[in-house]
Amino acid sequence: MNKDKALHYINHHNLIEIKAGEERTTFLEIWMITVNDRIFARSWGLAEKSWYNTFLQDPKGQIKCGEEVFPIKALIPDDLRDLTSDINTAYLTKYNTGSNLKYSKGIIQQKHVEKTMEFIVCE
């Protein structure tokens, strides 16, 4: 099952490649975490031409887990408020060492919480 492969890869690697929308031609490395077998990421840069804003316009995309590429659909989860604490904990747990620590503490701040997106692996 593609979702299980993607979850395993994300849980064991710090950088996951993502391609937002159908117009982009290249992948971008970002942090992703999983909570309750669901895949999430937060925008760090908050730029107008970010992967996050691209997905708001075109929810189709891809994630690259090693050599495997999975089609995804991006969405803002309806239960984000309920999941925020668990997502924060997942970021702090996964990215808790060295130079990552500064960014893991940053990405749980409200401005980044507001830019949380969920990725559904299309089977």
PDB file of N, CA and C in Angstrom:
ATOM      1  N   MET A   1       0.839  -1.180   0.000  1.00  0.00           N
ATOM      2  CA  MET A   1       0.000   0.000   0.000  1.00  0.00           C
ATOM      3  C   MET A   1       0.889   1.250   0.000  1.00  0.00           C
ATOM      4  N   ASN A   2       0.611   2.174  -0.903  1.00  0.00           N
ATOM      5  CA  ASN A   2       1.434   3.379  -1.046  1.00  0.00           C
ATOM      6  C   ASN A   2       1.483   4.213   0.222  1.00  0.00           C
ATOM      7  N   LYS A   3       0.339   4.355   0.897  1.00  0.00           N
ATOM      8  CA  LYS A   3       0.312   5.174   2.108  1.00  0.00           C
ATOM      9  C   LYS A   3       1.262   4.607   3.159  1.00  0.00           C
ATOM     10  N   ASP A   4       1.259   3.297   3.339  1.00  0.00           N
ATOM     11  CA  ASP A   4       2.132   2.674   4.336  1.00  0.00           C
ATOM     12  C   ASP A   4       3.603   2.895   4.003  1.00  0.00           C
ATOM     13  N   LYS A   5       3.957   2.792   2.722  1.00  0.00           N
ATOM     14  CA  LYS A   5       5.341   3.036   2.301  1.00  0.00           C
ATOM     15  C   LYS A   5       5.737   4.479   2.591  1.00  0.00           C
ATOM     16  N   ALA A   6       4.844   5.412   2.255  1.00  0.00           N
ATOM     17  CA  ALA A   6       5.121   6.833   2.480  1.00  0.00           C
ATOM     18  C   ALA A   6       5.250   7.125   3.972  1.00  0.00           C
ATOM     19  N   LEU A   7       4.345   6.595   4.784  1.00  0.00           N
ATOM     20  CA  LEU A   7       4.407   6.805   6.234  1.00  0.00           C
ATOM     21  C   LEU A   7       5.724   6.287   6.802  1.00  0.00           C
ATOM     22  N   HIS A   8       6.125   5.105   6.388  1.00  0.00           N
ATOM     23  CA  HIS A   8       7.378   4.523   6.880  1.00  0.00           C
ATOM     24  C   HIS A   8       8.565   5.421   6.517  1.00  0.00           C
ATOM     25  N   TYR A   9       8.607   5.859   5.279  1.00  0.00           N
ATOM     26  CA  TYR A   9       9.720   6.707   4.839  1.00  0.00           C
ATOM     27  C   TYR A   9       9.744   8.013   5.637  1.00  0.00           C
ATOM     28  N   ILE A  10       8.599   8.662   5.754  1.00  0.00           N
ATOM     29  CA  ILE A  10       8.527   9.947   6.459  1.00  0.00           C
ATOM     30  C   ILE A  10       8.936   9.786   7.912  1.00  0.00           C
ATOM     31  N   ASN A  11       8.529   8.694   8.529  1.00  0.00           N
ATOM     32  CA  ASN A  11       8.871   8.468   9.934  1.00  0.00           C
ATOM     33  C   ASN A  11      10.352   8.200  10.154  1.00  0.00           C
ATOM     34  N   HIS A  12      11.077   7.841   9.095  1.00  0.00           N
ATOM     35  CA  HIS A  12      12.489   7.485   9.238  1.00  0.00           C
ATOM     36  C   HIS A  12      13.454   8.438   8.523  1.00  0.00           C
ATOM     37  N   HIS A  13      12.946   9.504   7.935  1.00  0.00           N
ATOM     38  CA  HIS A  13      13.796  10.473   7.232  1.00  0.00           C
ATOM     39  C   HIS A  13      13.382  11.894   7.594  1.00  0.00           C
ATOM     40  N   ASN A  14      14.362  12.774   7.703  1.00  0.00           N
ATOM     41  CA  ASN A  14      14.082  14.158   8.091  1.00  0.00           C
ATOM     42  C   ASN A  14      13.610  15.032   6.936  1.00  0.00           C
ATOM     43  N   LEU A  15      14.138  14.808   5.753  1.00  0.00           N
ATOM     44  CA  LEU A  15      13.766  15.645   4.615  1.00  0.00           C
ATOM     45  C   LEU A  15      12.981  14.813   3.604  1.00  0.00           C
ATOM     46  N   ILE A  16      11.813  15.314   3.270  1.00  0.00           N
ATOM     47  CA  ILE A  16      10.945  14.664   2.294  1.00  0.00           C
ATOM     48  C   ILE A  16      10.767  15.656   1.153  1.00  0.00           C
ATOM     49  N   GLU A  17      10.783  15.146  -0.068  1.00  0.00           N
ATOM     50  CA  GLU A  17      10.633  16.034  -1.218  1.00  0.00           C
ATOM     51  C   GLU A  17       9.165  16.166  -1.593  1.00  0.00           C
ATOM     52  N   ILE A  18       8.793  17.385  -1.971  1.00  0.00           N
ATOM     53  CA  ILE A  18       7.402  17.665  -2.318  1.00  0.00           C
ATOM     54  C   ILE A  18       7.356  18.493  -3.596  1.00  0.00           C
ATOM     55  N   LYS A  19       6.334  18.239  -4.378  1.00  0.00           N
ATOM     56  CA  LYS A  19       6.067  19.039  -5.572  1.00  0.00           C
ATOM     57  C   LYS A  19       4.609  19.488  -5.462  1.00  0.00           C
ATOM     58  N   ALA A  20       4.413  20.792  -5.390  1.00  0.00           N
ATOM     59  CA  ALA A  20       3.084  21.361  -5.176  1.00  0.00           C
ATOM     60  C   ALA A  20       2.441  21.761  -6.499  1.00  0.00           C
ATOM     61  N   GLY A  21       1.209  21.319  -6.691  1.00  0.00           N
ATOM     62  CA  GLY A  21       0.480  21.676  -7.898  1.00  0.00           C
ATOM     63  C   GLY A  21       0.982  20.920  -9.107  1.00  0.00           C
ATOM     64  N   GLU A  22       0.320  21.136 -10.215  1.00  0.00           N
ATOM     65  CA  GLU A  22       0.688  20.424 -11.449  1.00  0.00           C
ATOM     66  C   GLU A  22       1.635  21.222 -12.339  1.00  0.00           C
ATOM     67  N   GLU A  23       1.885  22.482 -11.992  1.00  0.00           N
ATOM     68  CA  GLU A  23       2.744  23.347 -12.805  1.00  0.00           C
ATOM     69  C   GLU A  23       4.230  23.194 -12.463  1.00  0.00           C
ATOM     70  N   ARG A  24       4.543  22.884 -11.228  1.00  0.00           N
ATOM     71  CA  ARG A  24       5.941  22.806 -10.791  1.00  0.00           C
ATOM     72  C   ARG A  24       6.645  21.631 -11.449  1.00  0.00           C
ATOM     73  N   THR A  25       7.909  21.825 -11.720  1.00  0.00           N
ATOM     74  CA  THR A  25       8.690  20.772 -12.368  1.00  0.00           C
ATOM     75  C   THR A  25       9.733  20.165 -11.446  1.00  0.00           C
ATOM     76  N   THR A  26       9.997  20.814 -10.318  1.00  0.00           N
ATOM     77  CA  THR A  26      11.036  20.329  -9.413  1.00  0.00           C
ATOM     78  C   THR A  26      10.472  20.069  -8.022  1.00  0.00           C
ATOM     79  N   PHE A  27      11.184  19.204  -7.294  1.00  0.00           N
ATOM     80  CA  PHE A  27      10.821  18.899  -5.920  1.00  0.00           C
ATOM     81  C   PHE A  27      11.573  19.825  -4.970  1.00  0.00           C
ATOM     82  N   LEU A  28      10.971  20.065  -3.821  1.00  0.00           N
ATOM     83  CA  LEU A  28      11.547  20.881  -2.764  1.00  0.00           C
ATOM     84  C   LEU A  28      11.619  20.021  -1.509  1.00  0.00           C
ATOM     85  N   GLU A  29      12.730  20.081  -0.778  1.00  0.00           N
ATOM     86  CA  GLU A  29      12.848  19.326   0.461  1.00  0.00           C
ATOM     87  C   GLU A  29      12.219  20.103   1.612  1.00  0.00           C
ATOM     88  N   ILE A  30      11.323  19.433   2.340  1.00  0.00           N
ATOM     89  CA  ILE A  30      10.693  20.049   3.501  1.00  0.00           C
ATOM     90  C   ILE A  30      10.624  19.028   4.639  1.00  0.00           C
ATOM     91  N   TRP A  31      10.273  19.514   5.819  1.00  0.00           N
ATOM     92  CA  TRP A  31      10.016  18.645   6.954  1.00  0.00           C
ATOM     93  C   TRP A  31       8.583  18.155   6.897  1.00  0.00           C
ATOM     94  N   MET A  32       8.384  16.883   7.159  1.00  0.00           N
ATOM     95  CA  MET A  32       7.048  16.307   7.292  1.00  0.00           C
ATOM     96  C   MET A  32       7.027  15.446   8.535  1.00  0.00           C
ATOM     97  N   ILE A  33       5.857  15.381   9.134  1.00  0.00           N
ATOM     98  CA  ILE A  33       5.667  14.522  10.302  1.00  0.00           C
ATOM     99  C   ILE A  33       4.376  13.732  10.103  1.00  0.00           C
ATOM    100  N   THR A  34       4.211  12.716  10.932  1.00  0.00           N
ATOM    101  CA  THR A  34       2.969  11.952  10.900  1.00  0.00           C
ATOM    102  C   THR A  34       2.341  11.959  12.288  1.00  0.00           C
ATOM    103  N   VAL A  35       1.021  11.987  12.295  1.00  0.00           N
ATOM    104  CA  VAL A  35       0.227  11.886  13.515  1.00  0.00           C
ATOM    105  C   VAL A  35      -0.957  10.989  13.188  1.00  0.00           C
ATOM    106  N   ASN A  36      -1.137   9.942  13.959  1.00  0.00           N
ATOM    107  CA  ASN A  36      -2.261   9.014  13.741  1.00  0.00           C
ATOM    108  C   ASN A  36      -2.306   8.501  12.299  1.00  0.00           C
ATOM    109  N   ASP A  37      -1.146   8.154  11.761  1.00  0.00           N
ATOM    110  CA  ASP A  37      -1.026   7.655  10.387  1.00  0.00           C
ATOM    111  C   ASP A  37      -1.536   8.646   9.349  1.00  0.00           C
ATOM    112  N   ARG A  38      -1.413   9.920   9.665  1.00  0.00           N
ATOM    113  CA  ARG A  38      -1.731  11.005   8.728  1.00  0.00           C
ATOM    114  C   ARG A  38      -0.465  11.825   8.539  1.00  0.00           C
ATOM    115  N   ILE A  39      -0.306  12.417   7.357  1.00  0.00           N
ATOM    116  CA  ILE A  39       0.913  13.138   6.984  1.00  0.00           C
ATOM    117  C   ILE A  39       0.638  14.641   7.012  1.00  0.00           C
ATOM    118  N   PHE A  40       1.544  15.378   7.679  1.00  0.00           N
ATOM    119  CA  PHE A  40       1.392  16.825   7.801  1.00  0.00           C
ATOM    120  C   PHE A  40       2.714  17.532   7.535  1.00  0.00           C
ATOM    121  N   ALA A  41       2.593  18.793   7.122  1.00  0.00           N
ATOM    122  CA  ALA A  41       3.757  19.674   7.014  1.00  0.00           C
ATOM    123  C   ALA A  41       3.284  21.096   7.266  1.00  0.00           C
ATOM    124  N   ARG A  42       4.242  21.920   7.681  1.00  0.00           N
ATOM    125  CA  ARG A  42       3.975  23.341   7.894  1.00  0.00           C
ATOM    126  C   ARG A  42       4.936  24.148   7.041  1.00  0.00           C
ATOM    127  N   SER A  43       4.416  25.236   6.530  1.00  0.00           N
ATOM    128  CA  SER A  43       5.246  26.141   5.749  1.00  0.00           C
ATOM    129  C   SER A  43       6.169  26.916   6.687  1.00  0.00           C
ATOM    130  N   TRP A  44       7.442  26.944   6.354  1.00  0.00           N
ATOM    131  CA  TRP A  44       8.400  27.701   7.150  1.00  0.00           C
ATOM    132  C   TRP A  44       8.542  29.117   6.618  1.00  0.00           C
ATOM    133  N   GLY A  45       8.685  29.265   5.309  1.00  0.00           N
ATOM    134  CA  GLY A  45       9.009  30.559   4.722  1.00  0.00           C
ATOM    135  C   GLY A  45       7.853  31.533   4.633  1.00  0.00           C
ATOM    136  N   LEU A  46       6.622  31.046   4.575  1.00  0.00           N
ATOM    137  CA  LEU A  46       5.436  31.883   4.505  1.00  0.00           C
ATOM    138  C   LEU A  46       5.418  32.799   3.281  1.00  0.00           C
ATOM    139  N   ALA A  47       6.162  32.445   2.253  1.00  0.00           N
ATOM    140  CA  ALA A  47       6.255  33.271   1.045  1.00  0.00           C
ATOM    141  C   ALA A  47       4.983  33.138   0.198  1.00  0.00           C
ATOM    142  N   GLU A  48       4.740  34.148  -0.602  1.00  0.00           N
ATOM    143  CA  GLU A  48       3.562  34.143  -1.472  1.00  0.00           C
ATOM    144  C   GLU A  48       3.622  32.999  -2.481  1.00  0.00           C
ATOM    145  N   LYS A  49       4.821  32.696  -2.987  1.00  0.00           N
ATOM    146  CA  LYS A  49       4.977  31.615  -3.962  1.00  0.00           C
ATOM    147  C   LYS A  49       5.485  30.339  -3.293  1.00  0.00           C
ATOM    148  N   SER A  50       4.917  30.021  -2.148  1.00  0.00           N
ATOM    149  CA  SER A  50       5.333  28.843  -1.402  1.00  0.00           C
ATOM    150  C   SER A  50       4.578  27.608  -1.865  1.00  0.00           C
ATOM    151  N   TRP A  51       5.063  26.443  -1.456  1.00  0.00           N
ATOM    152  CA  TRP A  51       4.342  25.207  -1.744  1.00  0.00           C
ATOM    153  C   TRP A  51       2.953  25.258  -1.110  1.00  0.00           C
ATOM    154  N   TYR A  52       2.856  25.866   0.066  1.00  0.00           N
ATOM    155  CA  TYR A  52       1.577  25.944   0.774  1.00  0.00           C
ATOM    156  C   TYR A  52       0.544  26.720  -0.055  1.00  0.00           C
ATOM    157  N   ASN A  53       0.929  27.899  -0.500  1.00  0.00           N
ATOM    158  CA  ASN A  53      -0.004  28.721  -1.282  1.00  0.00           C
ATOM    159  C   ASN A  53      -0.312  28.092  -2.635  1.00  0.00           C
ATOM    160  N   THR A  54       0.648  27.391  -3.210  1.00  0.00           N
ATOM    161  CA  THR A  54       0.388  26.683  -4.466  1.00  0.00           C
ATOM    162  C   THR A  54      -0.684  25.620  -4.258  1.00  0.00           C
ATOM    163  N   PHE A  55      -0.575  24.866  -3.167  1.00  0.00           N
ATOM    164  CA  PHE A  55      -1.578  23.842  -2.882  1.00  0.00           C
ATOM    165  C   PHE A  55      -2.959  24.433  -2.632  1.00  0.00           C
ATOM    166  N   LEU A  56      -3.036  25.633  -2.094  1.00  0.00           N
ATOM    167  CA  LEU A  56      -4.347  26.260  -1.899  1.00  0.00           C
ATOM    168  C   LEU A  56      -5.046  26.487  -3.239  1.00  0.00           C
ATOM    169  N   GLN A  57      -4.260  26.735  -4.283  1.00  0.00           N
ATOM    170  CA  GLN A  57      -4.808  26.962  -5.620  1.00  0.00           C
ATOM    171  C   GLN A  57      -4.996  25.663  -6.401  1.00  0.00           C
ATOM    172  N   ASP A  58      -4.112  24.706  -6.176  1.00  0.00           N
ATOM    173  CA  ASP A  58      -4.129  23.432  -6.900  1.00  0.00           C
ATOM    174  C   ASP A  58      -3.713  22.329  -5.926  1.00  0.00           C
ATOM    175  N   PRO A  59      -4.672  21.573  -5.385  1.00  0.00           N
ATOM    176  CA  PRO A  59      -4.358  20.610  -4.329  1.00  0.00           C
ATOM    177  C   PRO A  59      -3.637  19.339  -4.780  1.00  0.00           C
ATOM    178  N   LYS A  60      -3.413  19.186  -6.068  1.00  0.00           N
ATOM    179  CA  LYS A  60      -2.710  17.991  -6.547  1.00  0.00           C
ATOM    180  C   LYS A  60      -1.205  18.206  -6.476  1.00  0.00           C
ATOM    181  N   GLY A  61      -0.495  17.138  -6.137  1.00  0.00           N
ATOM    182  CA  GLY A  61       0.957  17.230  -6.065  1.00  0.00           C
ATOM    183  C   GLY A  61       1.562  15.856  -5.904  1.00  0.00           C
ATOM    184  N   GLN A  62       2.828  15.855  -5.493  1.00  0.00           N
ATOM    185  CA  GLN A  62       3.558  14.604  -5.314  1.00  0.00           C
ATOM    186  C   GLN A  62       4.503  14.738  -4.131  1.00  0.00           C
ATOM    187  N   ILE A  63       4.743  13.608  -3.462  1.00  0.00           N
ATOM    188  CA  ILE A  63       5.848  13.537  -2.514  1.00  0.00           C
ATOM    189  C   ILE A  63       6.795  12.456  -3.004  1.00  0.00           C
ATOM    190  N   LYS A  64       8.065  12.712  -2.778  1.00  0.00           N
ATOM    191  CA  LYS A  64       9.103  11.778  -3.193  1.00  0.00           C
ATOM    192  C   LYS A  64       9.754  11.218  -1.940  1.00  0.00           C
ATOM    193  N   CYS A  65       9.631   9.914  -1.795  1.00  0.00           N
ATOM    194  CA  CYS A  65      10.179   9.203  -0.642  1.00  0.00           C
ATOM    195  C   CYS A  65      11.277   8.286  -1.155  1.00  0.00           C
ATOM    196  N   GLY A  66      12.505   8.793  -1.105  1.00  0.00           N
ATOM    197  CA  GLY A  66      13.610   8.038  -1.692  1.00  0.00           C
ATOM    198  C   GLY A  66      13.446   8.021  -3.199  1.00  0.00           C
ATOM    199  N   GLU A  67      13.339   6.840  -3.772  1.00  0.00           N
ATOM    200  CA  GLU A  67      13.173   6.717  -5.223  1.00  0.00           C
ATOM    201  C   GLU A  67      11.711   6.644  -5.636  1.00  0.00           C
ATOM    202  N   GLU A  68      10.823   6.510  -4.662  1.00  0.00           N
ATOM    203  CA  GLU A  68       9.401   6.368  -4.979  1.00  0.00           C
ATOM    204  C   GLU A  68       8.692   7.716  -4.930  1.00  0.00           C
ATOM    205  N   VAL A  69       7.828   7.939  -5.911  1.00  0.00           N
ATOM    206  CA  VAL A  69       7.038   9.161  -5.990  1.00  0.00           C
ATOM    207  C   VAL A  69       5.567   8.784  -5.844  1.00  0.00           C
ATOM    208  N   PHE A  70       4.891   9.484  -4.935  1.00  0.00           N
ATOM    209  CA  PHE A  70       3.485   9.203  -4.668  1.00  0.00           C
ATOM    210  C   PHE A  70       2.642  10.429  -4.996  1.00  0.00           C
ATOM    211  N   PRO A  71       1.551  10.241  -5.746  1.00  0.00           N
ATOM    212  CA  PRO A  71       0.632  11.354  -5.965  1.00  0.00           C
ATOM    213  C   PRO A  71      -0.110  11.660  -4.659  1.00  0.00           C
ATOM    214  N   ILE A  72      -0.312  12.943  -4.391  1.00  0.00           N
ATOM    215  CA  ILE A  72      -0.996  13.355  -3.177  1.00  0.00           C
ATOM    216  C   ILE A  72      -2.063  14.402  -3.476  1.00  0.00           C
ATOM    217  N   LYS A  73      -2.940  14.540  -2.527  1.00  0.00           N
ATOM    218  CA  LYS A  73      -3.908  15.635  -2.499  1.00  0.00           C
ATOM    219  C   LYS A  73      -3.647  16.381  -1.203  1.00  0.00           C
ATOM    220  N   ALA A  74      -3.515  17.696  -1.283  1.00  0.00           N
ATOM    221  CA  ALA A  74      -3.244  18.516  -0.107  1.00  0.00           C
ATOM    222  C   ALA A  74      -4.528  19.193   0.357  1.00  0.00           C
ATOM    223  N   LEU A  75      -4.669  19.303   1.672  1.00  0.00           N
ATOM    224  CA  LEU A  75      -5.844  19.976   2.224  1.00  0.00           C
ATOM    225  C   LEU A  75      -5.533  20.523   3.602  1.00  0.00           C
ATOM    226  N   ILE A  76      -6.334  21.476   4.021  1.00  0.00           N
ATOM    227  CA  ILE A  76      -6.250  21.971   5.384  1.00  0.00           C
ATOM    228  C   ILE A  76      -7.197  21.100   6.197  1.00  0.00           C
ATOM    229  N   PRO A  77      -6.685  20.390   7.200  1.00  0.00           N
ATOM    230  CA  PRO A  77      -7.539  19.451   7.929  1.00  0.00           C
ATOM    231  C   PRO A  77      -8.638  20.163   8.726  1.00  0.00           C
ATOM    232  N   ASP A  78      -9.833  19.610   8.669  1.00  0.00           N
ATOM    233  CA  ASP A  78     -10.966  20.168   9.408  1.00  0.00           C
ATOM    234  C   ASP A  78     -10.733  20.106  10.916  1.00  0.00           C
ATOM    235  N   ASP A  79      -9.963  19.119  11.359  1.00  0.00           N
ATOM    236  CA  ASP A  79      -9.722  18.932  12.784  1.00  0.00           C
ATOM    237  C   ASP A  79      -8.359  19.478  13.226  1.00  0.00           C
ATOM    238  N   LEU A  80      -7.861  20.477  12.513  1.00  0.00           N
ATOM    239  CA  LEU A  80      -6.531  21.028  12.815  1.00  0.00           C
ATOM    240  C   LEU A  80      -6.428  21.500  14.261  1.00  0.00           C
ATOM    241  N   ARG A  81      -7.427  22.174  14.753  1.00  0.00           N
ATOM    242  CA  ARG A  81      -7.375  22.675  16.132  1.00  0.00           C
ATOM    243  C   ARG A  81      -7.171  21.520  17.114  1.00  0.00           C
ATOM    244  N   ASP A  82      -7.866  20.416  16.882  1.00  0.00           N
ATOM    245  CA  ASP A  82      -7.745  19.252  17.768  1.00  0.00           C
ATOM    246  C   ASP A  82      -6.379  18.584  17.648  1.00  0.00           C
ATOM    247  N   LEU A  83      -5.759  18.677  16.471  1.00  0.00           N
ATOM    248  CA  LEU A  83      -4.493  17.991  16.212  1.00  0.00           C
ATOM    249  C   LEU A  83      -3.248  18.831  16.494  1.00  0.00           C
ATOM    250  N   THR A  84      -3.409  20.129  16.679  1.00  0.00           N
ATOM    251  CA  THR A  84      -2.254  21.026  16.773  1.00  0.00           C
ATOM    252  C   THR A  84      -1.263  20.601  17.839  1.00  0.00           C
ATOM    253  N   SER A  85      -1.721  20.241  19.010  1.00  0.00           N
ATOM    254  CA  SER A  85      -0.810  19.838  20.081  1.00  0.00           C
ATOM    255  C   SER A  85      -0.020  18.591  19.682  1.00  0.00           C
ATOM    256  N   ASP A  86      -0.682  17.610  19.071  1.00  0.00           N
ATOM    257  CA  ASP A  86       0.002  16.392  18.640  1.00  0.00           C
ATOM    258  C   ASP A  86       0.987  16.676  17.508  1.00  0.00           C
ATOM    259  N   ILE A  87       0.628  17.561  16.596  1.00  0.00           N
ATOM    260  CA  ILE A  87       1.530  17.932  15.502  1.00  0.00           C
ATOM    261  C   ILE A  87       2.750  18.656  16.070  1.00  0.00           C
ATOM    262  N   ASN A  88       2.524  19.568  17.006  1.00  0.00           N
ATOM    263  CA  ASN A  88       3.648  20.258  17.648  1.00  0.00           C
ATOM    264  C   ASN A  88       4.593  19.252  18.304  1.00  0.00           C
ATOM    265  N   THR A  89       4.031  18.315  19.049  1.00  0.00           N
ATOM    266  CA  THR A  89       4.844  17.300  19.718  1.00  0.00           C
ATOM    267  C   THR A  89       5.623  16.469  18.707  1.00  0.00           C
ATOM    268  N   ALA A  90       4.981  16.124  17.607  1.00  0.00           N
ATOM    269  CA  ALA A  90       5.664  15.336  16.573  1.00  0.00           C
ATOM    270  C   ALA A  90       6.854  16.098  15.997  1.00  0.00           C
ATOM    271  N   TYR A  91       6.687  17.393  15.722  1.00  0.00           N
ATOM    272  CA  TYR A  91       7.816  18.189  15.231  1.00  0.00           C
ATOM    273  C   TYR A  91       8.942  18.247  16.261  1.00  0.00           C
ATOM    274  N   LEU A  92       8.594  18.517  17.526  1.00  0.00           N
ATOM    275  CA  LEU A  92       9.610  18.638  18.565  1.00  0.00           C
ATOM    276  C   LEU A  92      10.316  17.311  18.830  1.00  0.00           C
ATOM    277  N   THR A  93       9.620  16.208  18.640  1.00  0.00           N
ATOM    278  CA  THR A  93      10.212  14.890  18.850  1.00  0.00           C
ATOM    279  C   THR A  93      11.126  14.494  17.691  1.00  0.00           C
ATOM    280  N   LYS A  94      10.650  14.705  16.479  1.00  0.00           N
ATOM    281  CA  LYS A  94      11.416  14.267  15.306  1.00  0.00           C
ATOM    282  C   LYS A  94      12.626  15.162  15.027  1.00  0.00           C
ATOM    283  N   TYR A  95      12.461  16.452  15.203  1.00  0.00           N
ATOM    284  CA  TYR A  95      13.514  17.411  14.839  1.00  0.00           C
ATOM    285  C   TYR A  95      14.087  18.067  16.097  1.00  0.00           C
ATOM    286  N   ASN A  96      14.600  17.254  17.026  1.00  0.00           N
ATOM    287  CA  ASN A  96      14.988  17.763  18.344  1.00  0.00           C
ATOM    288  C   ASN A  96      16.490  17.822  18.586  1.00  0.00           C
ATOM    289  N   THR A  97      17.288  17.816  17.535  1.00  0.00           N
ATOM    290  CA  THR A  97      18.737  17.784  17.746  1.00  0.00           C
ATOM    291  C   THR A  97      19.468  18.879  16.981  1.00  0.00           C
ATOM    292  N   GLY A  98      20.613  19.247  17.507  1.00  0.00           N
ATOM    293  CA  GLY A  98      21.531  20.159  16.822  1.00  0.00           C
ATOM    294  C   GLY A  98      20.874  21.413  16.296  1.00  0.00           C
ATOM    295  N   SER A  99      21.215  21.759  15.062  1.00  0.00           N
ATOM    296  CA  SER A  99      20.704  22.987  14.460  1.00  0.00           C
ATOM    297  C   SER A  99      19.203  22.918  14.184  1.00  0.00           C
ATOM    298  N   ASN A 100      18.627  21.710  14.143  1.00  0.00           N
ATOM    299  CA  ASN A 100      17.188  21.581  13.920  1.00  0.00           C
ATOM    300  C   ASN A 100      16.369  22.129  15.083  1.00  0.00           C
ATOM    301  N   LEU A 101      16.927  22.113  16.284  1.00  0.00           N
ATOM    302  CA  LEU A 101      16.163  22.478  17.470  1.00  0.00           C
ATOM    303  C   LEU A 101      15.585  23.894  17.379  1.00  0.00           C
ATOM    304  N   LYS A 102      16.379  24.817  16.890  1.00  0.00           N
ATOM    305  CA  LYS A 102      15.913  26.205  16.738  1.00  0.00           C
ATOM    306  C   LYS A 102      14.680  26.249  15.827  1.00  0.00           C
ATOM    307  N   TYR A 103      14.721  25.499  14.748  1.00  0.00           N
ATOM    308  CA  TYR A 103      13.625  25.519  13.785  1.00  0.00           C
ATOM    309  C   TYR A 103      12.421  24.718  14.270  1.00  0.00           C
ATOM    310  N   SER A 104      12.661  23.627  15.000  1.00  0.00           N
ATOM    311  CA  SER A 104      11.532  22.855  15.511  1.00  0.00           C
ATOM    312  C   SER A 104      10.765  23.666  16.554  1.00  0.00           C
ATOM    313  N   LYS A 105      11.465  24.476  17.330  1.00  0.00           N
ATOM    314  CA  LYS A 105      10.781  25.360  18.285  1.00  0.00           C
ATOM    315  C   LYS A 105      10.066  26.495  17.543  1.00  0.00           C
ATOM    316  N   GLY A 106      10.609  26.894  16.415  1.00  0.00           N
ATOM    317  CA  GLY A 106       9.988  27.960  15.625  1.00  0.00           C
ATOM    318  C   GLY A 106       8.738  27.496  14.913  1.00  0.00           C
ATOM    319  N   ILE A 107       8.764  26.284  14.390  1.00  0.00           N
ATOM    320  CA  ILE A 107       7.664  25.816  13.549  1.00  0.00           C
ATOM    321  C   ILE A 107       6.401  25.486  14.353  1.00  0.00           C
ATOM    322  N   ILE A 108       6.512  25.497  15.674  1.00  0.00           N
ATOM    323  CA  ILE A 108       5.308  25.292  16.483  1.00  0.00           C
ATOM    324  C   ILE A 108       4.671  26.622  16.906  1.00  0.00           C
ATOM    325  N   GLN A 109       5.242  27.732  16.428  1.00  0.00           N
ATOM    326  CA  GLN A 109       4.657  29.040  16.714  1.00  0.00           C
ATOM    327  C   GLN A 109       3.396  29.246  15.866  1.00  0.00           C
ATOM    328  N   GLN A 110       2.494  30.087  16.348  1.00  0.00           N
ATOM    329  CA  GLN A 110       1.171  30.233  15.748  1.00  0.00           C
ATOM    330  C   GLN A 110       1.204  30.575  14.261  1.00  0.00           C
ATOM    331  N   LYS A 111       2.134  31.435  13.826  1.00  0.00           N
ATOM    332  CA  LYS A 111       2.162  31.810  12.406  1.00  0.00           C
ATOM    333  C   LYS A 111       2.432  30.607  11.501  1.00  0.00           C
ATOM    334  N   HIS A 112       3.149  29.599  12.020  1.00  0.00           N
ATOM    335  CA  HIS A 112       3.401  28.385  11.249  1.00  0.00           C
ATOM    336  C   HIS A 112       2.274  27.370  11.440  1.00  0.00           C
ATOM    337  N   VAL A 113       1.706  27.318  12.638  1.00  0.00           N
ATOM    338  CA  VAL A 113       0.558  26.446  12.886  1.00  0.00           C
ATOM    339  C   VAL A 113      -0.549  26.768  11.886  1.00  0.00           C
ATOM    340  N   GLU A 114      -0.734  28.047  11.608  1.00  0.00           N
ATOM    341  CA  GLU A 114      -1.769  28.485  10.659  1.00  0.00           C
ATOM    342  C   GLU A 114      -1.485  28.035   9.230  1.00  0.00           C
ATOM    343  N   LYS A 115      -0.276  27.596   8.960  1.00  0.00           N
ATOM    344  CA  LYS A 115       0.112  27.133   7.621  1.00  0.00           C
ATOM    345  C   LYS A 115       0.355  25.623   7.615  1.00  0.00           C
ATOM    346  N   THR A 116      -0.471  24.904   8.366  1.00  0.00           N
ATOM    347  CA  THR A 116      -0.386  23.447   8.421  1.00  0.00           C
ATOM    348  C   THR A 116      -1.231  22.848   7.308  1.00  0.00           C
ATOM    349  N   MET A 117      -0.680  21.863   6.646  1.00  0.00           N
ATOM    350  CA  MET A 117      -1.397  21.186   5.569  1.00  0.00           C
ATOM    351  C   MET A 117      -1.265  19.682   5.768  1.00  0.00           C
ATOM    352  N   GLU A 118      -2.314  18.983   5.375  1.00  0.00           N
ATOM    353  CA  GLU A 118      -2.306  17.520   5.406  1.00  0.00           C
ATOM    354  C   GLU A 118      -2.181  17.003   3.988  1.00  0.00           C
ATOM    355  N   PHE A 119      -1.498  15.868   3.837  1.00  0.00           N
ATOM    356  CA  PHE A 119      -1.307  15.256   2.533  1.00  0.00           C
ATOM    357  C   PHE A 119      -1.927  13.873   2.533  1.00  0.00           C
ATOM    358  N   ILE A 120      -2.813  13.647   1.594  1.00  0.00           N
ATOM    359  CA  ILE A 120      -3.474  12.356   1.420  1.00  0.00           C
ATOM    360  C   ILE A 120      -2.799  11.651   0.240  1.00  0.00           C
ATOM    361  N   VAL A 121      -2.233  10.484   0.495  1.00  0.00           N
ATOM    362  CA  VAL A 121      -1.608   9.712  -0.569  1.00  0.00           C
ATOM    363  C   VAL A 121      -2.715   9.068  -1.401  1.00  0.00           C
ATOM    364  N   CYS A 122      -2.692   9.327  -2.702  1.00  0.00           N
ATOM    365  CA  CYS A 122      -3.679   8.776  -3.614  1.00  0.00           C
ATOM    366  C   CYS A 122      -3.273   7.359  -3.989  1.00  0.00           C
ATOM    367  N   GLU A 123      -4.171   6.439  -3.831  1.00  0.00           N
ATOM    368  CA  GLU A 123      -3.868   5.035  -4.137  1.00  0.00           C
ATOM    369  C   GLU A 123      -4.134   4.726  -5.603  1.00  0.00           C
TER     370      GLU A 123
END
